[in-house]
Amino acid sequence: MKYLALLLLVPALLAGCATTSDLPPEDQAVMRYDSVSLEGRLALLEVNRAESGDLIRTQVLVQNRSAFALSYQYKFRWYDRNGFEIAPDGEPWQPRRLAGRSEERLQGVAPNPSAVRFEIWVRE
């Protein structure tokens, strides 16, 4: 009987361990809104990450949740292990236009090997 209770308890405990907040900081992605008007209209759906040599490459899937076309700009901001931003002025804002209720993938490459995590920033 004890073993049966243990067998039922273990899967329940493991199921609670799959939240993104449990991931290491370098595996979490954050979208920051520099324009409050974009919150709720532009959403981060998916994050893919790979290494190319000693640099991190990333691809994110964003979605326009509005029924109308959305003009916005984005940039990736990269951070080292200590939380310091790497080359804050190194990457310019990239303009984009996304049709209503559509999705697109954005790509970025770390500026140097010391980058361990990133944020994607968006503004109008």
PDB file of N, CA and C in Angstrom:
ATOM      1  N   MET A   1       0.821  -1.185   0.000  1.00  0.00           N
ATOM      2  CA  MET A   1       0.000   0.000   0.000  1.00  0.00           C
ATOM      3  C   MET A   1       0.872   1.259   0.000  1.00  0.00           C
ATOM      4  N   LYS A   2       1.978   1.225   0.767  1.00  0.00           N
ATOM      5  CA  LYS A   2       2.875   2.380   0.795  1.00  0.00           C
ATOM      6  C   LYS A   2       3.455   2.664  -0.591  1.00  0.00           C
ATOM      7  N   TYR A   3       3.789   1.586  -1.302  1.00  0.00           N
ATOM      8  CA  TYR A   3       4.386   1.743  -2.631  1.00  0.00           C
ATOM      9  C   TYR A   3       3.383   2.320  -3.623  1.00  0.00           C
ATOM     10  N   LEU A   4       2.125   1.941  -3.494  1.00  0.00           N
ATOM     11  CA  LEU A   4       1.086   2.466  -4.374  1.00  0.00           C
ATOM     12  C   LEU A   4       0.918   3.960  -4.151  1.00  0.00           C
ATOM     13  N   ALA A   5       0.925   4.390  -2.904  1.00  0.00           N
ATOM     14  CA  ALA A   5       0.812   5.817  -2.593  1.00  0.00           C
ATOM     15  C   ALA A   5       2.008   6.579  -3.145  1.00  0.00           C
ATOM     16  N   LEU A   6       3.186   5.983  -3.029  1.00  0.00           N
ATOM     17  CA  LEU A   6       4.390   6.614  -3.552  1.00  0.00           C
ATOM     18  C   LEU A   6       4.343   6.715  -5.075  1.00  0.00           C
ATOM     19  N   LEU A   7       3.884   5.678  -5.746  1.00  0.00           N
ATOM     20  CA  LEU A   7       3.772   5.691  -7.204  1.00  0.00           C
ATOM     21  C   LEU A   7       2.784   6.744  -7.685  1.00  0.00           C
ATOM     22  N   LEU A   8       1.748   7.007  -6.924  1.00  0.00           N
ATOM     23  CA  LEU A   8       0.770   8.035  -7.306  1.00  0.00           C
ATOM     24  C   LEU A   8       1.289   9.430  -6.983  1.00  0.00           C
ATOM     25  N   LEU A   9       2.096   9.568  -5.968  1.00  0.00           N
ATOM     26  CA  LEU A   9       2.600  10.866  -5.544  1.00  0.00           C
ATOM     27  C   LEU A   9       3.720  11.390  -6.440  1.00  0.00           C
ATOM     28  N   VAL A  10       4.631  10.541  -6.888  1.00  0.00           N
ATOM     29  CA  VAL A  10       5.788  10.969  -7.686  1.00  0.00           C
ATOM     30  C   VAL A  10       5.369  11.679  -8.975  1.00  0.00           C
ATOM     31  N   PRO A  11       4.456  11.127  -9.811  1.00  0.00           N
ATOM     32  CA  PRO A  11       4.062  11.854 -11.023  1.00  0.00           C
ATOM     33  C   PRO A  11       3.426  13.213 -10.720  1.00  0.00           C
ATOM     34  N   ALA A  12       2.672  13.295  -9.635  1.00  0.00           N
ATOM     35  CA  ALA A  12       2.053  14.574  -9.271  1.00  0.00           C
ATOM     36  C   ALA A  12       3.114  15.604  -8.918  1.00  0.00           C
ATOM     37  N   LEU A  13       4.149  15.183  -8.211  1.00  0.00           N
ATOM     38  CA  LEU A  13       5.228  16.111  -7.864  1.00  0.00           C
ATOM     39  C   LEU A  13       6.011  16.537  -9.099  1.00  0.00           C
ATOM     40  N   LEU A  14       6.290  15.606  -9.998  1.00  0.00           N
ATOM     41  CA  LEU A  14       7.046  15.929 -11.205  1.00  0.00           C
ATOM     42  C   LEU A  14       6.266  16.853 -12.132  1.00  0.00           C
ATOM     43  N   ALA A  15       4.961  16.724 -12.185  1.00  0.00           N
ATOM     44  CA  ALA A  15       4.150  17.568 -13.061  1.00  0.00           C
ATOM     45  C   ALA A  15       4.260  19.031 -12.666  1.00  0.00           C
ATOM     46  N   GLY A  16       4.498  19.336 -11.416  1.00  0.00           N
ATOM     47  CA  GLY A  16       4.605  20.719 -10.963  1.00  0.00           C
ATOM     48  C   GLY A  16       5.954  21.344 -11.235  1.00  0.00           C
ATOM     49  N   CYS A  17       6.875  20.652 -11.857  1.00  0.00           N
ATOM     50  CA  CYS A  17       8.232  21.145 -12.073  1.00  0.00           C
ATOM     51  C   CYS A  17       8.470  21.697 -13.473  1.00  0.00           C
ATOM     52  N   ALA A  18       7.458  21.880 -14.259  1.00  0.00           N
ATOM     53  CA  ALA A  18       7.643  22.242 -15.659  1.00  0.00           C
ATOM     54  C   ALA A  18       7.395  23.717 -15.956  1.00  0.00           C
ATOM     55  N   THR A  19       7.393  24.571 -14.962  1.00  0.00           N
ATOM     56  CA  THR A  19       7.129  25.983 -15.214  1.00  0.00           C
ATOM     57  C   THR A  19       8.381  26.674 -15.728  1.00  0.00           C
ATOM     58  N   THR A  20       8.204  27.731 -16.512  1.00  0.00           N
ATOM     59  CA  THR A  20       9.357  28.441 -17.064  1.00  0.00           C
ATOM     60  C   THR A  20      10.160  29.137 -15.975  1.00  0.00           C
ATOM     61  N   SER A  21       9.537  29.481 -14.861  1.00  0.00           N
ATOM     62  CA  SER A  21      10.288  30.136 -13.793  1.00  0.00           C
ATOM     63  C   SER A  21      11.299  29.184 -13.158  1.00  0.00           C
ATOM     64  N   ASP A  22      11.141  27.872 -13.371  1.00  0.00           N
ATOM     65  CA  ASP A  22      12.097  26.904 -12.844  1.00  0.00           C
ATOM     66  C   ASP A  22      13.315  26.746 -13.737  1.00  0.00           C
ATOM     67  N   LEU A  23      13.266  27.310 -14.940  1.00  0.00           N
ATOM     68  CA  LEU A  23      14.389  27.203 -15.863  1.00  0.00           C
ATOM     69  C   LEU A  23      15.523  28.115 -15.408  1.00  0.00           C
ATOM     70  N   PRO A  24      16.753  27.777 -15.746  1.00  0.00           N
ATOM     71  CA  PRO A  24      17.849  28.690 -15.431  1.00  0.00           C
ATOM     72  C   PRO A  24      17.653  30.005 -16.169  1.00  0.00           C
ATOM     73  N   PRO A  25      18.144  31.124 -15.625  1.00  0.00           N
ATOM     74  CA  PRO A  25      17.924  32.439 -16.241  1.00  0.00           C
ATOM     75  C   PRO A  25      18.343  32.515 -17.702  1.00  0.00           C
ATOM     76  N   GLU A  26      19.400  31.793 -18.096  1.00  0.00           N
ATOM     77  CA  GLU A  26      19.844  31.881 -19.489  1.00  0.00           C
ATOM     78  C   GLU A  26      18.872  31.198 -20.450  1.00  0.00           C
ATOM     79  N   ASP A  27      17.972  30.354 -19.943  1.00  0.00           N
ATOM     80  CA  ASP A  27      17.000  29.684 -20.807  1.00  0.00           C
ATOM     81  C   ASP A  27      15.639  30.382 -20.815  1.00  0.00           C
ATOM     82  N   GLN A  28      15.499  31.439 -20.057  1.00  0.00           N
ATOM     83  CA  GLN A  28      14.250  32.181 -20.042  1.00  0.00           C
ATOM     84  C   GLN A  28      14.361  33.370 -20.991  1.00  0.00           C
ATOM     85  N   ALA A  29      13.295  33.667 -21.676  1.00  0.00           N
ATOM     86  CA  ALA A  29      13.272  34.830 -22.558  1.00  0.00           C
ATOM     87  C   ALA A  29      12.198  35.786 -22.058  1.00  0.00           C
ATOM     88  N   VAL A  30      12.471  37.050 -22.226  1.00  0.00           N
ATOM     89  CA  VAL A  30      11.550  38.073 -21.764  1.00  0.00           C
ATOM     90  C   VAL A  30      11.324  39.061 -22.886  1.00  0.00           C
ATOM     91  N   MET A  31      10.063  39.452 -23.066  1.00  0.00           N
ATOM     92  CA  MET A  31       9.760  40.550 -23.988  1.00  0.00           C
ATOM     93  C   MET A  31       9.471  41.771 -23.134  1.00  0.00           C
ATOM     94  N   ARG A  32      10.185  42.837 -23.396  1.00  0.00           N
ATOM     95  CA  ARG A  32       9.996  44.104 -22.684  1.00  0.00           C
ATOM     96  C   ARG A  32       9.324  45.093 -23.619  1.00  0.00           C
ATOM     97  N   TYR A  33       8.366  45.814 -23.089  1.00  0.00           N
ATOM     98  CA  TYR A  33       7.613  46.787 -23.888  1.00  0.00           C
ATOM     99  C   TYR A  33       8.106  48.191 -23.557  1.00  0.00           C
ATOM    100  N   ASP A  34       8.761  48.825 -24.526  1.00  0.00           N
ATOM    101  CA  ASP A  34       9.213  50.202 -24.370  1.00  0.00           C
ATOM    102  C   ASP A  34       8.050  51.160 -24.617  1.00  0.00           C
ATOM    103  N   SER A  35       7.000  50.662 -25.274  1.00  0.00           N
ATOM    104  CA  SER A  35       5.763  51.416 -25.511  1.00  0.00           C
ATOM    105  C   SER A  35       4.626  50.623 -24.878  1.00  0.00           C
ATOM    106  N   VAL A  36       3.995  51.209 -23.870  1.00  0.00           N
ATOM    107  CA  VAL A  36       2.927  50.524 -23.150  1.00  0.00           C
ATOM    108  C   VAL A  36       1.785  50.132 -24.085  1.00  0.00           C
ATOM    109  N   SER A  37       1.591  50.882 -25.154  1.00  0.00           N
ATOM    110  CA  SER A  37       0.492  50.607 -26.079  1.00  0.00           C
ATOM    111  C   SER A  37       0.629  49.248 -26.785  1.00  0.00           C
ATOM    112  N   LEU A  38       1.823  48.656 -26.774  1.00  0.00           N
ATOM    113  CA  LEU A  38       2.014  47.356 -27.420  1.00  0.00           C
ATOM    114  C   LEU A  38       1.650  46.182 -26.507  1.00  0.00           C
ATOM    115  N   GLU A  39       1.592  46.422 -25.198  1.00  0.00           N
ATOM    116  CA  GLU A  39       1.248  45.347 -24.268  1.00  0.00           C
ATOM    117  C   GLU A  39      -0.127  44.798 -24.604  1.00  0.00           C
ATOM    118  N   GLY A  40      -0.220  43.493 -24.702  1.00  0.00           N
ATOM    119  CA  GLY A  40      -1.480  42.857 -25.025  1.00  0.00           C
ATOM    120  C   GLY A  40      -1.747  42.761 -26.521  1.00  0.00           C
ATOM    121  N   ARG A  41      -1.053  43.569 -27.306  1.00  0.00           N
ATOM    122  CA  ARG A  41      -1.225  43.520 -28.759  1.00  0.00           C
ATOM    123  C   ARG A  41      -0.153  42.681 -29.436  1.00  0.00           C
ATOM    124  N   LEU A  42       1.075  42.701 -28.899  1.00  0.00           N
ATOM    125  CA  LEU A  42       2.182  41.938 -29.452  1.00  0.00           C
ATOM    126  C   LEU A  42       2.652  40.965 -28.372  1.00  0.00           C
ATOM    127  N   ALA A  43       2.636  39.667 -28.702  1.00  0.00           N
ATOM    128  CA  ALA A  43       2.950  38.651 -27.695  1.00  0.00           C
ATOM    129  C   ALA A  43       4.094  37.758 -28.148  1.00  0.00           C
ATOM    130  N   LEU A  44       4.875  37.309 -27.186  1.00  0.00           N
ATOM    131  CA  LEU A  44       5.959  36.352 -27.414  1.00  0.00           C
ATOM    132  C   LEU A  44       5.385  34.952 -27.253  1.00  0.00           C
ATOM    133  N   LEU A  45       5.414  34.147 -28.329  1.00  0.00           N
ATOM    134  CA  LEU A  45       4.821  32.817 -28.308  1.00  0.00           C
ATOM    135  C   LEU A  45       5.836  31.695 -28.128  1.00  0.00           C
ATOM    136  N   GLU A  46       7.023  31.868 -28.703  1.00  0.00           N
ATOM    137  CA  GLU A  46       7.980  30.756 -28.742  1.00  0.00           C
ATOM    138  C   GLU A  46       9.402  31.303 -28.780  1.00  0.00           C
ATOM    139  N   VAL A  47      10.304  30.573 -28.168  1.00  0.00           N
ATOM    140  CA  VAL A  47      11.718  30.944 -28.169  1.00  0.00           C
ATOM    141  C   VAL A  47      12.550  29.724 -28.544  1.00  0.00           C
ATOM    142  N   ASN A  48      13.408  29.883 -29.532  1.00  0.00           N
ATOM    143  CA  ASN A  48      14.367  28.841 -29.910  1.00  0.00           C
ATOM    144  C   ASN A  48      15.760  29.411 -29.707  1.00  0.00           C
ATOM    145  N   ARG A  49      16.648  28.551 -29.219  1.00  0.00           N
ATOM    146  CA  ARG A  49      17.997  29.001 -28.889  1.00  0.00           C
ATOM    147  C   ARG A  49      18.986  27.924 -29.310  1.00  0.00           C
ATOM    148  N   ALA A  50      20.086  28.344 -29.900  1.00  0.00           N
ATOM    149  CA  ALA A  50      21.122  27.402 -30.318  1.00  0.00           C
ATOM    150  C   ALA A  50      22.472  28.090 -30.204  1.00  0.00           C
ATOM    151  N   GLU A  51      23.527  27.302 -30.236  1.00  0.00           N
ATOM    152  CA  GLU A  51      24.874  27.855 -30.225  1.00  0.00           C
ATOM    153  C   GLU A  51      25.486  27.678 -31.591  1.00  0.00           C
ATOM    154  N   SER A  52      26.143  28.730 -32.031  1.00  0.00           N
ATOM    155  CA  SER A  52      26.836  28.714 -33.311  1.00  0.00           C
ATOM    156  C   SER A  52      28.287  29.060 -32.998  1.00  0.00           C
ATOM    157  N   GLY A  53      29.114  28.042 -32.893  1.00  0.00           N
ATOM    158  CA  GLY A  53      30.475  28.272 -32.407  1.00  0.00           C
ATOM    159  C   GLY A  53      30.382  28.626 -30.937  1.00  0.00           C
ATOM    160  N   ASP A  54      30.895  29.795 -30.561  1.00  0.00           N
ATOM    161  CA  ASP A  54      30.803  30.228 -29.167  1.00  0.00           C
ATOM    162  C   ASP A  54      29.777  31.344 -28.974  1.00  0.00           C
ATOM    163  N   LEU A  55      28.911  31.570 -29.975  1.00  0.00           N
ATOM    164  CA  LEU A  55      27.876  32.602 -29.885  1.00  0.00           C
ATOM    165  C   LEU A  55      26.490  31.974 -29.783  1.00  0.00           C
ATOM    166  N   ILE A  56      25.612  32.641 -29.069  1.00  0.00           N
ATOM    167  CA  ILE A  56      24.226  32.201 -28.966  1.00  0.00           C
ATOM    168  C   ILE A  56      23.426  32.802 -30.114  1.00  0.00           C
ATOM    169  N   ARG A  57      22.640  31.958 -30.762  1.00  0.00           N
ATOM    170  CA  ARG A  57      21.674  32.418 -31.758  1.00  0.00           C
ATOM    171  C   ARG A  57      20.291  32.192 -31.175  1.00  0.00           C
ATOM    172  N   THR A  58      19.367  33.096 -31.484  1.00  0.00           N
ATOM    173  CA  THR A  58      18.006  32.910 -31.008  1.00  0.00           C
ATOM    174  C   THR A  58      17.016  33.256 -32.102  1.00  0.00           C
ATOM    175  N   GLN A  59      15.870  32.638 -31.994  1.00  0.00           N
ATOM    176  CA  GLN A  59      14.757  32.937 -32.891  1.00  0.00           C
ATOM    177  C   GLN A  59      13.508  32.957 -32.029  1.00  0.00           C
ATOM    178  N   VAL A  60      12.738  34.041 -32.117  1.00  0.00           N
ATOM    179  CA  VAL A  60      11.511  34.147 -31.335  1.00  0.00           C
ATOM    180  C   VAL A  60      10.326  34.287 -32.277  1.00  0.00           C
ATOM    181  N   LEU A  61       9.209  33.754 -31.857  1.00  0.00           N
ATOM    182  CA  LEU A  61       7.966  33.867 -32.609  1.00  0.00           C
ATOM    183  C   LEU A  61       7.083  34.869 -31.884  1.00  0.00           C
ATOM    184  N   VAL A  62       6.710  35.940 -32.586  1.00  0.00           N
ATOM    185  CA  VAL A  62       5.821  36.947 -32.004  1.00  0.00           C
ATOM    186  C   VAL A  62       4.500  36.940 -32.766  1.00  0.00           C
ATOM    187  N   GLN A  63       3.448  37.364 -32.079  1.00  0.00           N
ATOM    188  CA  GLN A  63       2.118  37.376 -32.675  1.00  0.00           C
ATOM    189  C   GLN A  63       1.452  38.726 -32.448  1.00  0.00           C
ATOM    190  N   ASN A  64       0.842  39.246 -33.515  1.00  0.00           N
ATOM    191  CA  ASN A  64       0.006  40.424 -33.419  1.00  0.00           C
ATOM    192  C   ASN A  64      -1.382  39.944 -33.016  1.00  0.00           C
ATOM    193  N   ARG A  65      -1.800  40.257 -31.801  1.00  0.00           N
ATOM    194  CA  ARG A  65      -3.102  39.806 -31.308  1.00  0.00           C
ATOM    195  C   ARG A  65      -4.230  40.744 -31.716  1.00  0.00           C
ATOM    196  N   SER A  66      -3.871  41.837 -32.327  1.00  0.00           N
ATOM    197  CA  SER A  66      -4.864  42.804 -32.794  1.00  0.00           C
ATOM    198  C   SER A  66      -5.378  42.392 -34.170  1.00  0.00           C
ATOM    199  N   ALA A  67      -6.559  42.846 -34.518  1.00  0.00           N
ATOM    200  CA  ALA A  67      -7.124  42.580 -35.850  1.00  0.00           C
ATOM    201  C   ALA A  67      -6.534  43.516 -36.899  1.00  0.00           C
ATOM    202  N   PHE A  68      -5.812  44.523 -36.463  1.00  0.00           N
ATOM    203  CA  PHE A  68      -5.266  45.538 -37.368  1.00  0.00           C
ATOM    204  C   PHE A  68      -3.751  45.380 -37.520  1.00  0.00           C
ATOM    205  N   ALA A  69      -3.231  45.862 -38.632  1.00  0.00           N
ATOM    206  CA  ALA A  69      -1.773  45.832 -38.861  1.00  0.00           C
ATOM    207  C   ALA A  69      -1.074  46.614 -37.754  1.00  0.00           C
ATOM    208  N   LEU A  70       0.111  46.168 -37.421  1.00  0.00           N
ATOM    209  CA  LEU A  70       0.859  46.756 -36.322  1.00  0.00           C
ATOM    210  C   LEU A  70       2.269  47.108 -36.788  1.00  0.00           C
ATOM    211  N   SER A  71       2.627  48.369 -36.680  1.00  0.00           N
ATOM    212  CA  SER A  71       4.001  48.801 -36.963  1.00  0.00           C
ATOM    213  C   SER A  71       4.739  48.893 -35.632  1.00  0.00           C
ATOM    214  N   TYR A  72       5.900  48.273 -35.575  1.00  0.00           N
ATOM    215  CA  TYR A  72       6.690  48.299 -34.345  1.00  0.00           C
ATOM    216  C   TYR A  72       8.167  48.181 -34.687  1.00  0.00           C
ATOM    217  N   GLN A  73       9.002  48.374 -33.684  1.00  0.00           N
ATOM    218  CA  GLN A  73      10.441  48.194 -33.809  1.00  0.00           C
ATOM    219  C   GLN A  73      10.883  47.227 -32.708  1.00  0.00           C
ATOM    220  N   TYR A  74      11.940  46.474 -32.985  1.00  0.00           N
ATOM    221  CA  TYR A  74      12.449  45.548 -31.976  1.00  0.00           C
ATOM    222  C   TYR A  74      13.966  45.584 -31.956  1.00  0.00           C
ATOM    223  N   LYS A  75      14.503  45.113 -30.866  1.00  0.00           N
ATOM    224  CA  LYS A  75      15.943  44.871 -30.752  1.00  0.00           C
ATOM    225  C   LYS A  75      16.181  43.844 -29.659  1.00  0.00           C
ATOM    226  N   PHE A  76      17.249  43.076 -29.822  1.00  0.00           N
ATOM    227  CA  PHE A  76      17.662  42.129 -28.794  1.00  0.00           C
ATOM    228  C   PHE A  76      18.669  42.828 -27.895  1.00  0.00           C
ATOM    229  N   ARG A  77      18.532  42.635 -26.596  1.00  0.00           N
ATOM    230  CA  ARG A  77      19.517  43.130 -25.637  1.00  0.00           C
ATOM    231  C   ARG A  77      20.125  41.907 -24.955  1.00  0.00           C
ATOM    232  N   TRP A  78      21.439  41.858 -24.952  1.00  0.00           N
ATOM    233  CA  TRP A  78      22.180  40.696 -24.461  1.00  0.00           C
ATOM    234  C   TRP A  78      22.845  41.010 -23.134  1.00  0.00           C
ATOM    235  N   TYR A  79      22.923  40.010 -22.241  1.00  0.00           N
ATOM    236  CA  TYR A  79      23.458  40.192 -20.894  1.00  0.00           C
ATOM    237  C   TYR A  79      24.469  39.092 -20.565  1.00  0.00           C
ATOM    238  N   ASP A  80      25.479  39.464 -19.759  1.00  0.00           N
ATOM    239  CA  ASP A  80      26.486  38.487 -19.333  1.00  0.00           C
ATOM    240  C   ASP A  80      26.035  37.789 -18.051  1.00  0.00           C
ATOM    241  N   ARG A  81      26.874  36.919 -17.526  1.00  0.00           N
ATOM    242  CA  ARG A  81      26.528  36.132 -16.328  1.00  0.00           C
ATOM    243  C   ARG A  81      26.242  36.993 -15.103  1.00  0.00           C
ATOM    244  N   ASN A  82      26.797  38.189 -15.064  1.00  0.00           N
ATOM    245  CA  ASN A  82      26.604  39.079 -13.918  1.00  0.00           C
ATOM    246  C   ASN A  82      25.418  40.015 -14.101  1.00  0.00           C
ATOM    247  N   GLY A  83      24.706  39.887 -15.217  1.00  0.00           N
ATOM    248  CA  GLY A  83      23.530  40.726 -15.449  1.00  0.00           C
ATOM    249  C   GLY A  83      23.825  42.046 -16.133  1.00  0.00           C
ATOM    250  N   PHE A  84      25.088  42.258 -16.541  1.00  0.00           N
ATOM    251  CA  PHE A  84      25.440  43.498 -17.228  1.00  0.00           C
ATOM    252  C   PHE A  84      25.078  43.389 -18.709  1.00  0.00           C
ATOM    253  N   GLU A  85      24.509  44.472 -19.230  1.00  0.00           N
ATOM    254  CA  GLU A  85      24.174  44.484 -20.654  1.00  0.00           C
ATOM    255  C   GLU A  85      25.450  44.595 -21.476  1.00  0.00           C
ATOM    256  N   ILE A  86      25.502  43.818 -22.534  1.00  0.00           N
ATOM    257  CA  ILE A  86      26.660  43.799 -23.424  1.00  0.00           C
ATOM    258  C   ILE A  86      26.369  44.704 -24.618  1.00  0.00           C
ATOM    259  N   ALA A  87      27.262  45.620 -24.899  1.00  0.00           N
ATOM    260  CA  ALA A  87      27.135  46.528 -26.053  1.00  0.00           C
ATOM    261  C   ALA A  87      25.749  47.153 -26.137  1.00  0.00           C
ATOM    262  N   PRO A  88      25.372  47.970 -25.131  1.00  0.00           N
ATOM    263  CA  PRO A  88      24.017  48.533 -25.102  1.00  0.00           C
ATOM    264  C   PRO A  88      23.648  49.344 -26.349  1.00  0.00           C
ATOM    265  N   ASP A  89      24.609  49.962 -26.980  1.00  0.00           N
ATOM    266  CA  ASP A  89      24.310  50.764 -28.172  1.00  0.00           C
ATOM    267  C   ASP A  89      24.704  50.043 -29.459  1.00  0.00           C
ATOM    268  N   GLY A  90      25.042  48.778 -29.347  1.00  0.00           N
ATOM    269  CA  GLY A  90      25.557  48.041 -30.497  1.00  0.00           C
ATOM    270  C   GLY A  90      24.531  47.612 -31.525  1.00  0.00           C
ATOM    271  N   GLU A  91      23.291  47.424 -31.127  1.00  0.00           N
ATOM    272  CA  GLU A  91      22.276  46.938 -32.061  1.00  0.00           C
ATOM    273  C   GLU A  91      21.186  47.994 -32.248  1.00  0.00           C
ATOM    274  N   PRO A  92      20.928  48.396 -33.483  1.00  0.00           N
ATOM    275  CA  PRO A  92      19.890  49.407 -33.723  1.00  0.00           C
ATOM    276  C   PRO A  92      18.481  48.789 -33.652  1.00  0.00           C
ATOM    277  N   TRP A  93      17.486  49.636 -33.488  1.00  0.00           N
ATOM    278  CA  TRP A  93      16.096  49.206 -33.544  1.00  0.00           C
ATOM    279  C   TRP A  93      15.772  48.795 -34.979  1.00  0.00           C
ATOM    280  N   GLN A  94      15.060  47.674 -35.130  1.00  0.00           N
ATOM    281  CA  GLN A  94      14.679  47.149 -36.439  1.00  0.00           C
ATOM    282  C   GLN A  94      13.190  47.386 -36.670  1.00  0.00           C
ATOM    283  N   PRO A  95      12.825  48.140 -37.711  1.00  0.00           N
ATOM    284  CA  PRO A  95      11.390  48.391 -37.960  1.00  0.00           C
ATOM    285  C   PRO A  95      10.705  47.179 -38.602  1.00  0.00           C
ATOM    286  N   ARG A  96       9.467  46.937 -38.210  1.00  0.00           N
ATOM    287  CA  ARG A  96       8.679  45.826 -38.746  1.00  0.00           C
ATOM    288  C   ARG A  96       7.222  46.258 -38.888  1.00  0.00           C
ATOM    289  N   ARG A  97       6.503  45.579 -39.763  1.00  0.00           N
ATOM    290  CA  ARG A  97       5.060  45.763 -39.901  1.00  0.00           C
ATOM    291  C   ARG A  97       4.451  44.369 -39.963  1.00  0.00           C
ATOM    292  N   LEU A  98       3.487  44.128 -39.098  1.00  0.00           N
ATOM    293  CA  LEU A  98       2.894  42.799 -38.965  1.00  0.00           C
ATOM    294  C   LEU A  98       1.390  42.901 -39.170  1.00  0.00           C
ATOM    295  N   ALA A  99       0.873  42.114 -40.119  1.00  0.00           N
ATOM    296  CA  ALA A  99      -0.564  42.121 -40.405  1.00  0.00           C
ATOM    297  C   ALA A  99      -1.360  41.673 -39.181  1.00  0.00           C
ATOM    298  N   GLY A 100      -2.616  42.059 -39.136  1.00  0.00           N
ATOM    299  CA  GLY A 100      -3.486  41.687 -38.025  1.00  0.00           C
ATOM    300  C   GLY A 100      -3.588  40.186 -37.843  1.00  0.00           C
ATOM    301  N   ARG A 101      -3.564  39.749 -36.592  1.00  0.00           N
ATOM    302  CA  ARG A 101      -3.695  38.344 -36.217  1.00  0.00           C
ATOM    303  C   ARG A 101      -2.680  37.420 -36.900  1.00  0.00           C
ATOM    304  N   SER A 102      -1.498  37.938 -37.175  1.00  0.00           N
ATOM    305  CA  SER A 102      -0.468  37.116 -37.822  1.00  0.00           C
ATOM    306  C   SER A 102       0.748  36.979 -36.905  1.00  0.00           C
ATOM    307  N   GLU A 103       1.658  36.110 -37.333  1.00  0.00           N
ATOM    308  CA  GLU A 103       2.864  35.820 -36.561  1.00  0.00           C
ATOM    309  C   GLU A 103       4.082  35.975 -37.446  1.00  0.00           C
ATOM    310  N   GLU A 104       5.231  36.241 -36.813  1.00  0.00           N
ATOM    311  CA  GLU A 104       6.497  36.256 -37.541  1.00  0.00           C
ATOM    312  C   GLU A 104       7.626  35.881 -36.603  1.00  0.00           C
ATOM    313  N   ARG A 105       8.716  35.404 -37.196  1.00  0.00           N
ATOM    314  CA  ARG A 105       9.900  35.011 -36.435  1.00  0.00           C
ATOM    315  C   ARG A 105      10.971  36.087 -36.566  1.00  0.00           C
ATOM    316  N   LEU A 106      11.580  36.416 -35.440  1.00  0.00           N
ATOM    317  CA  LEU A 106      12.666  37.395 -35.388  1.00  0.00           C
ATOM    318  C   LEU A 106      13.918  36.672 -34.919  1.00  0.00           C
ATOM    319  N   GLN A 107      15.065  37.025 -35.491  1.00  0.00           N
ATOM    320  CA  GLN A 107      16.304  36.345 -35.144  1.00  0.00           C
ATOM    321  C   GLN A 107      17.347  37.313 -34.618  1.00  0.00           C
ATOM    322  N   GLY A 108      18.183  36.805 -33.738  1.00  0.00           N
ATOM    323  CA  GLY A 108      19.278  37.595 -33.199  1.00  0.00           C
ATOM    324  C   GLY A 108      20.476  36.720 -32.900  1.00  0.00           C
ATOM    325  N   VAL A 109      21.656  37.347 -32.895  1.00  0.00           N
ATOM    326  CA  VAL A 109      22.909  36.655 -32.571  1.00  0.00           C
ATOM    327  C   VAL A 109      23.636  37.489 -31.522  1.00  0.00           C
ATOM    328  N   ALA A 110      24.126  36.819 -30.496  1.00  0.00           N
ATOM    329  CA  ALA A 110      24.851  37.514 -29.426  1.00  0.00           C
ATOM    330  C   ALA A 110      26.058  38.252 -29.998  1.00  0.00           C
ATOM    331  N   PRO A 111      26.378  39.433 -29.459  1.00  0.00           N
ATOM    332  CA  PRO A 111      27.507  40.201 -29.981  1.00  0.00           C
ATOM    333  C   PRO A 111      28.872  39.606 -29.639  1.00  0.00           C
ATOM    334  N   ASN A 112      28.943  38.802 -28.568  1.00  0.00           N
ATOM    335  CA  ASN A 112      30.203  38.153 -28.207  1.00  0.00           C
ATOM    336  C   ASN A 112      29.936  36.947 -27.310  1.00  0.00           C
ATOM    337  N   PRO A 113      30.940  36.129 -27.050  1.00  0.00           N
ATOM    338  CA  PRO A 113      30.746  34.882 -26.294  1.00  0.00           C
ATOM    339  C   PRO A 113      30.359  35.058 -24.827  1.00  0.00           C
ATOM    340  N   SER A 114      30.502  36.239 -24.271  1.00  0.00           N
ATOM    341  CA  SER A 114      30.158  36.409 -22.854  1.00  0.00           C
ATOM    342  C   SER A 114      28.643  36.497 -22.624  1.00  0.00           C
ATOM    343  N   ALA A 115      27.853  36.602 -23.669  1.00  0.00           N
ATOM    344  CA  ALA A 115      26.394  36.677 -23.530  1.00  0.00           C
ATOM    345  C   ALA A 115      25.838  35.328 -23.090  1.00  0.00           C
ATOM    346  N   VAL A 116      24.971  35.357 -22.065  1.00  0.00           N
ATOM    347  CA  VAL A 116      24.334  34.128 -21.596  1.00  0.00           C
ATOM    348  C   VAL A 116      22.810  34.201 -21.663  1.00  0.00           C
ATOM    349  N   ARG A 117      22.266  35.403 -21.739  1.00  0.00           N
ATOM    350  CA  ARG A 117      20.813  35.540 -21.850  1.00  0.00           C
ATOM    351  C   ARG A 117      20.474  36.798 -22.621  1.00  0.00           C
ATOM    352  N   PHE A 118      19.201  36.908 -23.011  1.00  0.00           N
ATOM    353  CA  PHE A 118      18.768  38.062 -23.784  1.00  0.00           C
ATOM    354  C   PHE A 118      17.350  38.456 -23.413  1.00  0.00           C
ATOM    355  N   GLU A 119      17.009  39.656 -23.794  1.00  0.00           N
ATOM    356  CA  GLU A 119      15.631  40.146 -23.743  1.00  0.00           C
ATOM    357  C   GLU A 119      15.323  40.703 -25.112  1.00  0.00           C
ATOM    358  N   ILE A 120      14.078  40.602 -25.526  1.00  0.00           N
ATOM    359  CA  ILE A 120      13.669  41.259 -26.758  1.00  0.00           C
ATOM    360  C   ILE A 120      12.828  42.464 -26.350  1.00  0.00           C
ATOM    361  N   TRP A 121      13.238  43.621 -26.844  1.00  0.00           N
ATOM    362  CA  TRP A 121      12.553  44.876 -26.542  1.00  0.00           C
ATOM    363  C   TRP A 121      11.756  45.310 -27.777  1.00  0.00           C
ATOM    364  N   VAL A 122      10.562  45.820 -27.537  1.00  0.00           N
ATOM    365  CA  VAL A 122       9.712  46.305 -28.632  1.00  0.00           C
ATOM    366  C   VAL A 122       9.175  47.687 -28.296  1.00  0.00           C
ATOM    367  N   ARG A 123       8.973  48.473 -29.351  1.00  0.00           N
ATOM    368  CA  ARG A 123       8.377  49.812 -29.191  1.00  0.00           C
ATOM    369  C   ARG A 123       7.651  50.173 -30.472  1.00  0.00           C
ATOM    370  N   GLU A 124       6.787  51.199 -30.372  1.00  0.00           N
ATOM    371  CA  GLU A 124       6.102  51.667 -31.592  1.00  0.00           C
ATOM    372  C   GLU A 124       6.967  52.624 -32.352  1.00  0.00           C
TER     373      GLU A 124
END
